[in-house]
């Protein structure tokens, strides 16, 4: 009878061979001009699609995500008030909101919220 070690080695070898075969079969070697160009309603692009965009869009997205997660974390705090110790609830809520306010102040101080620049 085969030992557990032998069976596991056979299974591992078979799985590696299947992964290698799948990797070889799935690779596309042809670079198609149409697939590598950006889609603009079937027309040739008027300018390069790789132009750098303003970093402000990225910063606004990150700020939105931070404050969106903040709302998702604040809402359960309100729901658990009747199940937890009032002192601990108040302390943790104040610390959490204070951290967020310090972050907001830092963003405002650095000019990240000023869109006119």
Protein backbone atom coordinates (compact mmCIF):
# COMPACT_ATOMS: atom_id res chain seq x y z
CA UNK A 1 0.00 0.00 0.00
CA UNK A 2 1.15 3.56 -0.73
CA UNK A 3 2.13 5.73 2.14
CA UNK A 4 0.62 9.14 2.78
CA UNK A 5 3.89 10.81 1.78
CA UNK A 6 3.92 9.07 -1.59
CA UNK A 7 0.29 9.94 -2.27
CA UNK A 8 0.87 13.58 -1.35
CA UNK A 9 3.93 13.75 -3.63
CA UNK A 10 1.93 12.27 -6.52
CA UNK A 11 -0.89 14.75 -5.98
CA UNK A 12 1.53 17.67 -5.72
CA UNK A 13 3.34 16.60 -8.91
CA UNK A 14 0.08 16.21 -10.81
CA UNK A 15 -1.19 19.59 -9.66
CA UNK A 16 2.08 21.28 -10.64
CA UNK A 17 1.92 19.65 -14.08
CA UNK A 18 -1.68 20.83 -14.56
CA UNK A 19 -0.76 24.39 -13.49
CA UNK A 20 2.25 24.40 -15.84
CA UNK A 21 0.15 23.11 -18.72
CA UNK A 22 -2.56 25.71 -18.04
CA UNK A 23 0.06 28.46 -17.91
CA UNK A 24 1.57 27.41 -21.23
CA UNK A 25 -1.80 27.09 -22.96
CA UNK A 26 -3.21 30.38 -21.67
CA UNK A 27 -0.38 32.65 -22.80
CA UNK A 28 -1.09 34.81 -25.81
CA UNK A 29 2.00 35.56 -27.83
CA UNK A 30 0.39 37.76 -30.47
CA UNK A 31 0.27 41.45 -29.67
CA UNK A 32 -2.74 42.88 -31.44
CA UNK A 33 -2.62 46.60 -32.29
CA UNK A 34 -6.35 46.97 -31.78
CA UNK A 35 -6.36 45.35 -28.36
CA UNK A 36 -3.41 47.34 -27.05
CA UNK A 37 -4.83 50.70 -28.16
CA UNK A 38 -7.41 52.55 -26.06
CA UNK A 39 -11.04 52.31 -27.11
CA UNK A 40 -12.50 55.50 -28.51
CA UNK A 41 -15.65 54.47 -30.38
CA UNK A 42 -13.70 52.73 -33.13
CA UNK A 43 -11.66 55.80 -34.10
CA UNK A 44 -7.93 56.13 -33.81
CA UNK A 45 -6.99 57.98 -30.63
CA UNK A 46 -6.39 61.71 -31.10
CA UNK A 47 -3.69 61.88 -28.46
CA UNK A 48 -1.73 59.57 -26.22
CA UNK A 49 -3.86 57.74 -23.68
CA UNK A 50 -0.94 57.56 -21.29
CA UNK A 51 -0.91 61.26 -20.46
CA UNK A 52 -0.45 61.92 -16.76
CA UNK A 53 -3.54 63.19 -14.99
CA UNK A 54 -3.71 65.59 -12.11
CA UNK A 55 -2.72 64.09 -8.79
CA UNK A 56 -5.61 66.00 -7.20
CA UNK A 57 -8.10 63.47 -8.61
CA UNK A 58 -6.21 60.70 -6.86
CA UNK A 59 -6.04 62.66 -3.59
CA UNK A 60 -9.76 63.44 -3.67
CA UNK A 61 -10.48 59.75 -4.23
CA UNK A 62 -8.33 58.74 -1.27
CA UNK A 63 -9.93 61.39 0.96
CA UNK A 64 -13.38 60.18 -0.10
CA UNK A 65 -12.46 56.58 0.72
CA UNK A 66 -11.10 57.54 4.13
CA UNK A 67 -14.23 59.43 5.09
CA UNK A 68 -16.47 56.79 3.55
CA UNK A 69 -14.86 54.16 5.78
CA UNK A 70 -15.22 56.59 8.67
CA UNK A 71 -18.99 56.62 8.24
CA UNK A 72 -19.04 52.82 8.10
CA UNK A 73 -17.16 52.75 11.42
CA UNK A 74 -19.15 55.47 13.17
CA UNK A 75 -22.59 53.97 12.48
CA UNK A 76 -22.02 50.81 14.59
CA UNK A 77 -20.74 52.97 17.44
CA UNK A 78 -24.20 54.49 17.70
CA UNK A 79 -25.88 51.07 17.70
CA UNK A 80 -23.78 49.58 20.51
CA UNK A 81 -24.30 52.39 23.03
CA UNK A 82 -26.90 50.46 25.01
CA UNK A 83 -24.80 47.26 25.15
CA UNK A 84 -21.49 48.69 26.33
CA UNK A 85 -20.01 50.53 29.27
CA UNK A 86 -20.87 54.22 28.88
CA UNK A 87 -17.42 55.45 29.98
CA UNK A 88 -15.56 53.12 27.58
CA UNK A 89 -18.00 53.94 24.77
CA UNK A 90 -17.55 57.68 25.27
CA UNK A 91 -13.77 57.40 25.52
CA UNK A 92 -13.38 55.28 22.39
CA UNK A 93 -15.83 57.45 20.43
CA UNK A 94 -14.03 60.65 21.38
CA UNK A 95 -10.64 59.17 20.52
CA UNK A 96 -11.92 57.92 17.16
CA UNK A 97 -13.53 61.24 16.22
CA UNK A 98 -10.47 63.15 17.47
CA UNK A 99 -8.19 61.10 15.20
CA UNK A 100 -10.46 61.84 12.26
CA UNK A 101 -10.57 65.55 13.07
CA UNK A 102 -6.77 65.67 13.32
CA UNK A 103 -6.59 63.99 9.90
CA UNK A 104 -9.06 66.48 8.45
CA UNK A 105 -7.09 69.38 9.91
CA UNK A 106 -3.87 67.97 8.43
CA UNK A 107 -5.47 67.63 4.99
CA UNK A 108 -6.81 71.18 5.21
CA UNK A 109 -3.46 72.50 6.45
CA UNK A 110 -1.58 70.81 3.58
CA UNK A 111 -3.97 72.32 1.01
CA UNK A 112 -5.39 69.02 -0.18
CA UNK A 113 -8.94 70.30 0.11
CA UNK A 114 -8.20 73.48 -1.85
CA UNK A 115 -9.18 72.65 -5.43
CA UNK A 116 -8.35 76.06 -6.93
CA UNK A 117 -4.56 75.48 -7.08
